């Protein structure tokens, strides 16, 4: 299981959307990868592709395949213990302050038995850890920790432009404790249903950016309390590159947050934000993902893929909203990453809507046992800030994006993914339309 996490870094400046995109990807980032994971196939035999040419190899099962006039063999691997890395970049020409965003993370997964689970996404700036320990009947204790700590001023993209007058520094530390219930729902060790309830205590801090206007009022640093309920269902069978091959995944998140100290902030000449309205906030989001055979086609080398993401919120702002944007296509990765709403062609974490819905329909072709090509279209509707004259306003817009992705195994047990996308409705230089390219190289330690 390789995971993609995004840390948005620009040679000259770091902006808030990219850094939060790093967090989105962290919570967000992709768990599609190479055969890092082990034989879980009943019977445990070696698959011979010379005898089964229309078969797609499953995640890390032992196999033998003809390759370049010879024979390539791969043994089974253990999916219960993974330490992986991912490096790359995402680019979206025309973005203010950043045409290039660097990607990088270390991913840890330890699931030695049904009563213990540890998962971590780490890059030093944006980090996420979860530990679960069972105490009988599927019930478990949970401990979590999230952090985002980048000491640089930042702003938000509005139609691809950042207003220097309202840049600020901000970050948080957020530990959590809770209870959950987990059940195996399929043959693979990551086929699970989980229901969790966490109490999270966050230290949310803010500072004035060097380029902020003198009339810009920074938000209050504050203690933030959150009640976070989560549902996760993953019954996906995955292929040799950890892409979903068949099955269903679904889930939901419900969050209620309270900020102990919170007042109006912003700049009246640009945009003011009500402390009263956003002191208490709530949001509900959910997703469903499915992949299966193409009707009437016997070969497993052809797959149909579909996904839906939706969310509603009340009192959310750019520090609490679910981020929607492009970057790595995490749909169909592990359950935590599949929950991230992806809008190909947009920048990572570009939008912070109160309400959104995204629907994806795609097709995958397997030209070789180690390579897969995905192509699809994403439709969406969300509310976003728009530049209007000298000011801005919130509007609900329809979004359409096309995307194509090549995923292939490479030398040294690495995996390369190259994604290209076009968003017809993202704005760059005042015009509709945005191109995005994502390149990633992944491997394991």
Protein backbone atom coordinates (compact mmCIF):
# COMPACT_ATOMS: atom_id res chain seq x y z
CA UNK A 1 0.00 0.00 0.00
CA UNK A 2 1.69 3.16 -1.09
CA UNK A 3 0.20 6.44 -0.08
CA UNK A 4 0.49 9.83 -1.72
CA UNK A 5 0.63 12.89 0.43
CA UNK A 6 1.03 16.41 -0.77
CA UNK A 7 3.22 19.06 0.73
CA UNK A 8 2.79 22.17 -1.39
CA UNK A 9 6.14 23.96 -1.60
CA UNK A 10 7.07 26.74 -3.99
CA UNK A 11 10.61 28.09 -4.47
CA UNK A 12 9.52 31.61 -3.56
CA UNK A 13 6.39 31.36 -1.38
CA UNK A 14 4.22 28.84 0.40
CA UNK A 15 0.50 29.41 0.17
CA UNK A 16 -2.23 28.18 2.46
CA UNK A 17 -4.20 26.28 -0.15
CA UNK A 18 -1.22 24.16 -1.08
CA UNK A 19 -0.35 23.45 2.51
CA UNK A 20 -3.91 22.56 3.37
CA UNK A 21 -3.95 20.51 0.22
CA UNK A 22 -1.05 18.69 1.76
CA UNK A 23 -3.29 17.96 4.71
CA UNK A 24 -6.18 16.98 2.44
CA UNK A 25 -3.92 14.62 0.63
CA UNK A 26 -2.52 13.46 3.91
CA UNK A 27 -5.98 12.69 5.14
CA UNK A 28 -5.72 12.61 2.23
CA UNK A 29 -3.02 11.20 -0.38
CA UNK A 30 -3.26 7.80 -2.48
CA UNK A 31 -2.95 4.25 -1.33
CA UNK A 32 -2.59 2.76 -4.76
CA UNK A 33 0.74 1.09 -5.33
CA UNK A 34 3.04 -1.73 -6.17
CA UNK A 35 2.75 -5.30 -4.96
CA UNK A 36 3.74 -4.34 -1.44
CA UNK A 37 1.14 -6.56 0.00
CA UNK A 38 0.94 -10.18 0.45
CA UNK A 39 -0.71 -13.30 -0.61
CA UNK A 40 -4.24 -13.36 0.73
CA UNK A 41 -5.75 -15.52 -1.95
CA UNK A 42 -7.40 -18.70 -0.77
CA UNK A 43 -5.29 -21.68 -1.63
CA UNK A 44 -2.07 -19.65 -1.93
CA UNK A 45 -1.04 -21.03 -5.33
CA UNK A 46 1.15 -19.36 -7.92
CA UNK A 47 -0.81 -17.72 -10.76
CA UNK A 48 0.59 -18.50 -14.22
CA UNK A 49 -0.45 -15.78 -16.67
CA UNK A 50 0.71 -17.87 -19.60
CA UNK A 51 -2.17 -20.20 -18.73
CA UNK A 52 -4.62 -17.42 -17.72
CA UNK A 53 -3.90 -14.48 -20.09
CA UNK A 54 -7.21 -12.70 -19.40
CA UNK A 55 -6.74 -12.69 -15.65
CA UNK A 56 -5.75 -9.60 -13.64
CA UNK A 57 -3.21 -10.23 -10.90
CA UNK A 58 -4.44 -9.49 -7.39
CA UNK A 59 -2.58 -7.53 -4.75
CA UNK A 60 0.81 -9.16 -4.12
CA UNK A 61 -0.19 -12.70 -4.89
CA UNK A 62 2.57 -14.99 -6.15
CA UNK A 63 2.64 -15.17 -9.96
CA UNK A 64 4.59 -16.11 -13.06
CA UNK A 65 4.27 -14.10 -16.28
CA UNK A 66 5.88 -13.96 -19.74
CA UNK A 67 7.85 -10.70 -20.13
CA UNK A 68 10.10 -9.47 -22.96
CA UNK A 69 10.69 -12.99 -24.25
CA UNK A 70 11.43 -14.44 -20.85
CA UNK A 71 9.57 -15.26 -17.64
CA UNK A 72 9.10 -12.93 -14.67
CA UNK A 73 8.27 -14.35 -11.25
CA UNK A 74 7.05 -12.58 -8.11
CA UNK A 75 6.57 -14.15 -4.71
CA UNK A 76 3.79 -13.41 -2.27
CA UNK A 77 4.14 -10.47 0.13
CA UNK A 78 2.72 -9.64 3.53
CA UNK A 79 0.03 -6.96 3.40
CA UNK A 80 -0.18 -6.67 7.18
CA UNK A 81 3.09 -4.74 7.50
CA UNK A 82 3.97 -1.88 5.11
CA UNK A 83 6.48 0.97 5.20
CA UNK A 84 6.32 2.99 1.99
CA UNK A 85 7.45 6.28 0.48
CA UNK A 86 6.17 8.53 -2.27
CA UNK A 87 7.78 11.46 -4.11
CA UNK A 88 6.63 13.60 -7.02
CA UNK A 89 5.01 16.84 -8.05
CA UNK A 90 1.73 18.36 -9.20
CA UNK A 91 1.56 21.31 -11.54
CA UNK A 92 -1.33 23.54 -12.60
CA UNK A 93 -0.13 26.36 -14.88
CA UNK A 94 -1.62 29.78 -14.22
CA UNK A 95 -1.95 29.53 -10.44
CA UNK A 96 -0.90 32.60 -8.49
CA UNK A 97 2.26 31.98 -6.43
CA UNK A 98 2.64 28.35 -7.42
CA UNK A 99 2.68 26.46 -10.69
CA UNK A 100 4.48 23.59 -8.95
CA UNK A 101 3.62 21.64 -5.81
CA UNK A 102 5.99 19.03 -4.44
CA UNK A 103 4.69 15.71 -3.15
CA UNK A 104 6.22 13.55 -0.48
CA UNK A 105 5.35 11.31 2.44
CA UNK A 106 6.15 8.19 4.42
CA UNK A 107 3.30 5.74 5.00
CA UNK A 108 3.16 3.17 7.80
CA UNK A 109 0.60 0.37 8.15
CA UNK A 110 0.74 -2.32 10.83
CA UNK A 111 -2.16 -4.76 11.20
CA UNK A 112 -0.61 -7.86 12.80
CA UNK A 113 -3.93 -9.26 14.06
CA UNK A 114 -7.59 -8.32 14.40
CA UNK A 115 -7.04 -6.53 17.72
CA UNK A 116 -4.26 -4.14 16.66
CA UNK A 117 -4.04 -1.53 13.93
CA UNK A 118 -1.59 1.34 13.41
CA UNK A 119 -1.66 3.73 10.46
CA UNK A 120 0.45 6.85 9.91
CA UNK A 121 1.05 9.41 7.17
CA UNK A 122 4.12 11.50 7.90
CA UNK A 123 5.99 14.34 6.23
CA UNK A 124 6.98 16.49 9.20
CA UNK A 125 4.64 19.37 8.42
CA UNK A 126 1.30 17.59 8.04
CA UNK A 127 1.04 14.34 9.99
CA UNK A 128 -1.70 11.88 10.86
CA UNK A 129 -1.58 8.84 13.16
CA UNK A 130 -4.23 6.38 14.33
CA UNK A 131 -3.82 3.48 16.75
CA UNK A 132 -6.58 0.98 17.56
CA UNK A 133 -6.52 -1.81 20.14
CA UNK A 134 -9.39 -4.23 20.53
CA UNK A 135 -10.78 -5.31 23.89
CA UNK A 136 -13.34 -7.92 22.86
CA UNK A 137 -16.19 -8.56 20.44
CA UNK A 138 -14.82 -6.20 17.81
CA UNK A 139 -14.85 -3.21 20.17
CA UNK A 140 -11.65 -1.17 20.35
CA UNK A 141 -9.97 1.82 21.93
CA UNK A 142 -8.75 4.51 19.54
CA UNK A 143 -6.01 7.13 19.82
CA UNK A 144 -5.36 9.65 17.06
CA UNK A 145 -3.14 12.62 16.36
CA UNK A 146 -3.12 15.19 13.56
CA UNK A 147 -0.85 18.18 13.09
CA UNK A 148 -0.27 20.93 10.58
CA UNK A 149 2.65 23.24 11.40
CA UNK A 150 4.12 25.32 8.59
CA UNK A 151 5.64 28.63 9.81
CA UNK A 152 4.98 30.75 6.72
CA UNK A 153 2.34 33.22 5.62
CA UNK A 154 -0.35 31.93 3.31
CA UNK A 155 -3.56 32.82 1.52
CA UNK A 156 -6.42 31.26 -0.43
CA UNK A 157 -6.80 30.92 -4.18
CA UNK A 158 -9.86 32.82 -5.41
CA UNK A 159 -10.20 32.22 -9.16
CA UNK A 160 -6.54 31.17 -9.10
CA UNK A 161 -5.39 34.42 -7.46
CA UNK A 162 -4.13 35.04 -3.90
CA UNK A 163 -4.72 38.40 -2.20
CA UNK A 164 -1.51 39.27 -0.31
CA UNK A 165 -3.44 41.67 1.93
CA UNK A 166 -5.08 38.83 3.85
CA UNK A 167 -2.24 36.36 4.21
CA UNK A 168 -1.62 34.86 7.63
CA UNK A 169 0.28 32.12 9.43
CA UNK A 170 -1.68 29.31 11.02
CA UNK A 171 -1.60 25.68 12.08
CA UNK A 172 -2.86 23.19 14.66
CA UNK A 173 -2.12 20.18 16.85
CA UNK A 174 -5.07 17.81 17.40
CA UNK A 175 -4.89 14.67 19.57
CA UNK A 176 -7.98 12.49 20.00
CA UNK A 177 -9.33 9.54 22.00
CA UNK A 178 -12.37 7.41 21.38
CA UNK A 179 -14.14 4.08 20.97
CA UNK A 180 -14.85 2.04 17.88
CA UNK A 181 -16.08 -1.24 16.51
CA UNK A 182 -14.38 -3.10 13.66
CA UNK A 183 -15.37 -6.23 11.69
CA UNK A 184 -13.76 -8.15 8.84
CA UNK A 185 -15.99 -8.07 5.72
CA UNK A 186 -13.86 -9.84 3.12
CA UNK A 187 -10.86 -12.10 2.55
CA UNK A 188 -8.24 -9.33 2.44
CA UNK A 189 -6.89 -7.97 5.72
CA UNK A 190 -7.99 -4.44 4.78
CA UNK A 191 -11.57 -5.49 3.97
CA UNK A 192 -13.19 -3.99 7.07
CA UNK A 193 -16.25 -2.23 8.40
CA UNK A 194 -15.43 0.27 11.15
CA UNK A 195 -17.56 2.65 13.22
CA UNK A 196 -15.62 5.14 15.36
CA UNK A 197 -16.43 8.02 17.69
CA UNK A 198 -13.57 10.31 18.68
CA UNK A 199 -13.27 13.30 20.98
CA UNK A 200 -10.59 15.62 19.58
CA UNK A 201 -8.90 18.51 21.38
CA UNK A 202 -7.07 20.93 19.10
CA UNK A 203 -4.76 23.88 19.64
CA UNK A 204 -5.48 26.20 16.68
CA UNK A 205 -2.97 29.07 16.33
CA UNK A 206 -2.71 32.14 14.07
CA UNK A 207 -0.23 34.89 13.29
CA UNK A 208 -0.18 37.94 11.01
CA UNK A 209 1.52 37.51 7.65
CA UNK A 210 4.26 39.96 6.69
CA UNK A 211 2.28 41.10 3.64
CA UNK A 212 -1.10 41.37 5.43
CA UNK A 213 -2.88 44.72 5.28
CA UNK A 214 -2.74 46.89 8.41
CA UNK A 215 -6.55 46.68 8.56
CA UNK A 216 -6.54 42.87 8.45
CA UNK A 217 -7.65 41.36 11.76
CA UNK A 218 -6.14 37.90 12.34
CA UNK A 219 -8.27 35.12 13.86
CA UNK A 220 -7.88 34.32 17.55
CA UNK A 221 -5.61 31.47 18.56
CA UNK A 222 -7.91 29.11 20.41
CA UNK A 223 -8.67 25.73 21.89
CA UNK A 224 -10.94 23.75 19.55
CA UNK A 225 -13.06 20.80 20.65
CA UNK A 226 -14.48 18.36 18.10
CA UNK A 227 -16.73 15.32 18.24
CA UNK A 228 -15.92 13.19 15.19
CA UNK A 229 -17.96 10.19 14.11
CA UNK A 230 -16.71 7.97 11.27
CA UNK A 231 -18.07 5.04 9.28
CA UNK A 232 -15.88 3.07 6.88
CA UNK A 233 -16.75 0.06 4.72
CA UNK A 234 -14.17 -1.48 2.38
CA UNK A 235 -14.96 -4.68 0.46
CA UNK A 236 -12.69 -3.94 -2.52
CA UNK A 237 -10.48 -6.53 -4.16
CA UNK A 238 -7.28 -4.85 -5.39
CA UNK A 239 -4.93 -5.60 -8.26
CA UNK A 240 -1.16 -5.90 -8.39
CA UNK A 241 -0.72 -2.09 -8.21
CA UNK A 242 -3.27 -1.82 -5.39
CA UNK A 243 -5.83 -0.25 -7.72
CA UNK A 244 -9.40 -1.39 -6.96
CA UNK A 245 -10.38 -4.29 -9.19
CA UNK A 246 -13.87 -5.21 -7.98
CA UNK A 247 -16.25 -4.52 -5.14
CA UNK A 248 -17.61 -1.62 -3.13
CA UNK A 249 -16.35 0.93 -0.60
CA UNK A 250 -18.41 3.55 1.26
CA UNK A 251 -18.21 5.76 4.30
CA UNK A 252 -19.27 8.91 6.11
CA UNK A 253 -17.88 11.53 8.52
CA UNK A 254 -19.85 13.70 10.93
CA UNK A 255 -18.07 16.49 12.84
CA UNK A 256 -19.28 18.99 15.40
CA UNK A 257 -16.71 21.59 16.44
CA UNK A 258 -16.54 24.36 19.03
CA UNK A 259 -13.90 27.08 19.32
CA UNK A 260 -13.44 28.35 22.86
CA UNK A 261 -12.29 31.82 21.78
CA UNK A 262 -13.44 33.13 18.42
CA UNK A 263 -14.28 36.62 17.16
CA UNK A 264 -14.79 38.38 13.83
CA UNK A 265 -11.71 38.38 11.63
CA UNK A 266 -10.64 39.58 8.18
CA UNK A 267 -10.57 42.99 6.50
CA UNK A 268 -13.80 44.96 5.98
CA UNK A 269 -12.37 46.39 2.73
CA UNK A 270 -11.87 42.84 1.37
CA UNK A 271 -14.05 40.37 3.24
CA UNK A 272 -15.07 40.07 6.89
CA UNK A 273 -15.81 36.73 8.56
CA UNK A 274 -18.29 36.35 11.37
CA UNK A 275 -16.88 34.85 14.55
CA UNK A 276 -20.39 34.26 15.87
CA UNK A 277 -21.40 32.23 12.80
CA UNK A 278 -18.29 30.02 12.73
CA UNK A 279 -17.53 29.61 16.44
CA UNK A 280 -19.64 26.43 16.39
CA UNK A 281 -19.70 24.43 13.17
CA UNK A 282 -20.90 21.09 11.88
CA UNK A 283 -20.39 19.10 8.73
CA UNK A 284 -21.51 15.79 7.29
CA UNK A 285 -19.77 14.13 4.35
CA UNK A 286 -20.02 10.78 2.66
CA UNK A 287 -18.80 8.76 -0.29
CA UNK A 288 -19.39 5.57 -2.26
CA UNK A 289 -17.04 3.87 -4.71
CA UNK A 290 -17.64 0.84 -6.93
CA UNK A 291 -15.69 -1.02 -9.60
CA UNK A 292 -16.58 -4.06 -11.65
CA UNK A 293 -16.61 -5.85 -14.98
CA UNK A 294 -17.73 -4.40 -18.29
CA UNK A 295 -21.01 -6.12 -19.27
CA UNK A 296 -20.53 -8.60 -22.07
CA UNK A 297 -16.70 -8.56 -21.83
CA UNK A 298 -15.12 -11.78 -20.51
CA UNK A 299 -11.60 -10.40 -19.97
CA UNK A 300 -10.75 -8.92 -16.56
CA UNK A 301 -8.56 -6.36 -18.35
CA UNK A 302 -11.54 -4.03 -18.74
CA UNK A 303 -13.18 -2.37 -15.72
CA UNK A 304 -15.91 0.20 -15.11
CA UNK A 305 -15.39 2.60 -12.19
CA UNK A 306 -17.81 4.95 -10.42
CA UNK A 307 -17.65 7.22 -7.37
CA UNK A 308 -19.83 9.76 -5.57
CA UNK A 309 -18.75 12.25 -2.88
CA UNK A 310 -21.04 14.73 -1.13
CA UNK A 311 -20.98 17.00 1.89
CA UNK A 312 -23.05 19.61 3.71
CA UNK A 313 -21.92 22.02 6.39
CA UNK A 314 -23.10 24.77 8.69
CA UNK A 315 -20.80 27.45 10.06
CA UNK A 316 -17.69 26.04 8.35
CA UNK A 317 -14.89 28.30 7.14
CA UNK A 318 -11.56 27.78 5.40
CA UNK A 319 -10.06 26.36 8.62
CA UNK A 320 -12.76 23.72 9.11
CA UNK A 321 -14.32 22.95 5.70
CA UNK A 322 -13.74 19.73 3.78
CA UNK A 323 -11.22 20.64 1.08
CA UNK A 324 -12.08 19.79 -2.54
CA UNK A 325 -9.41 19.79 -5.22
CA UNK A 326 -7.18 17.90 -7.61
CA UNK A 327 -3.79 16.29 -7.18
CA UNK A 328 -3.42 12.50 -6.84
CA UNK A 329 -6.56 10.53 -7.63
CA UNK A 330 -7.14 8.80 -4.29
CA UNK A 331 -10.54 7.33 -5.23
CA UNK A 332 -10.48 3.60 -4.58
CA UNK A 333 -7.40 3.66 -2.38
CA UNK A 334 -7.60 2.65 1.26
CA UNK A 335 -10.83 3.73 2.95
CA UNK A 336 -9.38 6.87 4.57
CA UNK A 337 -8.04 8.14 1.26
CA UNK A 338 -11.12 7.21 -0.74
CA UNK A 339 -13.09 9.62 1.46
CA UNK A 340 -11.16 12.59 -0.01
CA UNK A 341 -13.31 14.42 -2.61
CA UNK A 342 -11.28 14.72 -5.84
CA UNK A 343 -11.90 17.25 -8.61
CA UNK A 344 -9.27 16.57 -11.30
CA UNK A 345 -7.72 19.62 -12.97
CA UNK A 346 -8.15 21.86 -9.93
CA UNK A 347 -5.27 22.58 -7.58
CA UNK A 348 -4.83 20.56 -4.42
CA UNK A 349 -7.32 21.78 -1.84
CA UNK A 350 -8.31 24.71 -4.04
CA UNK A 351 -11.90 24.92 -2.80
CA UNK A 352 -13.38 25.03 0.71
CA UNK A 353 -17.12 24.65 0.07
CA UNK A 354 -19.89 24.48 2.61
CA UNK A 355 -21.83 22.11 0.34
CA UNK A 356 -20.60 19.93 -2.51
CA UNK A 357 -21.42 16.88 -4.63
CA UNK A 358 -19.07 15.11 -7.06
CA UNK A 359 -19.79 12.14 -9.34
CA UNK A 360 -17.20 10.21 -11.36
CA UNK A 361 -17.61 7.67 -14.16
CA UNK A 362 -14.57 5.99 -15.64
CA UNK A 363 -13.08 3.08 -17.56
CA UNK A 364 -9.84 1.18 -16.95
CA UNK A 365 -7.83 -0.85 -19.45
CA UNK A 366 -4.96 -3.20 -18.64
CA UNK A 367 -2.53 -3.27 -21.61
CA UNK A 368 0.01 -5.34 -19.64
CA UNK A 369 -0.09 -7.23 -16.33
CA UNK A 370 1.91 -4.40 -14.68
CA UNK A 371 0.24 -1.38 -16.33
CA UNK A 372 -3.23 0.21 -16.19
CA UNK A 373 -4.80 3.19 -17.95
CA UNK A 374 -7.79 5.00 -16.40
CA UNK A 375 -9.93 7.62 -18.16
CA UNK A 376 -13.06 9.29 -16.87
CA UNK A 377 -15.22 12.34 -16.34
CA UNK A 378 -16.11 14.06 -13.08
CA UNK A 379 -19.21 16.22 -12.65
CA UNK A 380 -19.67 18.37 -9.58
CA UNK A 381 -21.49 21.22 -7.92
CA UNK A 382 -20.07 23.29 -5.07
CA UNK A 383 -20.04 26.76 -3.61
CA UNK A 384 -16.83 28.76 -4.02
CA UNK A 385 -15.58 32.33 -3.70
CA UNK A 386 -15.45 34.29 -6.99
CA UNK A 387 -13.81 37.58 -7.92
CA UNK A 388 -16.44 40.15 -8.85
CA UNK A 389 -15.16 43.61 -9.75
CA UNK A 390 -13.03 44.87 -6.87
CA UNK A 391 -14.60 42.40 -4.44
CA UNK A 392 -15.74 38.80 -4.20
CA UNK A 393 -18.90 36.82 -3.69
CA UNK A 394 -19.86 33.25 -2.95
CA UNK A 395 -21.58 31.35 -5.75
CA UNK A 396 -22.70 27.78 -6.37
CA UNK A 397 -21.19 26.52 -9.62
CA UNK A 398 -21.28 23.40 -11.77
CA UNK A 399 -17.88 21.84 -12.46
CA UNK A 400 -16.80 19.37 -15.17
CA UNK A 401 -13.39 17.71 -15.49
CA UNK A 402 -11.74 15.06 -17.67
CA UNK A 403 -8.82 12.94 -16.46
CA UNK A 404 -6.48 10.24 -17.76
CA UNK A 405 -4.01 8.29 -15.61
CA UNK A 406 -1.27 5.78 -16.38
CA UNK A 407 -0.16 3.51 -13.52
CA UNK A 408 2.75 1.16 -14.09
CA UNK A 409 5.32 -0.87 -12.24
CA UNK A 410 8.91 0.28 -12.68
CA UNK A 411 12.50 -0.69 -11.82
CA UNK A 412 13.41 -1.67 -8.28
CA UNK A 413 9.87 -2.53 -7.24
CA UNK A 414 8.73 1.06 -7.66
CA UNK A 415 5.55 2.37 -9.19
CA UNK A 416 5.04 5.40 -11.42
CA UNK A 417 1.75 7.20 -11.91
CA UNK A 418 1.23 9.99 -14.42
CA UNK A 419 -2.10 11.84 -14.37
CA UNK A 420 -3.32 14.55 -16.71
CA UNK A 421 -6.58 16.44 -16.21
CA UNK A 422 -8.55 19.38 -17.55
CA UNK A 423 -11.10 21.26 -15.44
CA UNK A 424 -13.45 23.22 -17.70
CA UNK A 425 -14.63 25.51 -14.88
CA UNK A 426 -11.57 26.31 -12.77
CA UNK A 427 -10.42 29.88 -13.42
CA UNK A 428 -6.89 30.85 -14.47
CA UNK A 429 -5.88 34.37 -15.57
CA UNK A 430 -9.55 35.34 -15.66
CA UNK A 431 -10.52 32.58 -18.10
CA UNK A 432 -12.33 29.30 -17.52
CA UNK A 433 -10.26 26.16 -17.92
CA UNK A 434 -7.31 24.67 -16.06
CA UNK A 435 -4.77 21.95 -16.88
CA UNK A 436 -3.15 19.83 -14.18
CA UNK A 437 -0.40 17.19 -14.33
CA UNK A 438 0.64 14.90 -11.46
CA UNK A 439 3.74 12.67 -11.53
CA UNK A 440 4.59 10.30 -8.68
CA UNK A 441 7.18 7.65 -7.95
CA UNK A 442 6.48 5.27 -5.07
CA UNK A 443 8.32 2.46 -3.38
CA UNK A 444 8.78 0.77 -0.05
CA UNK A 445 11.55 0.47 2.51
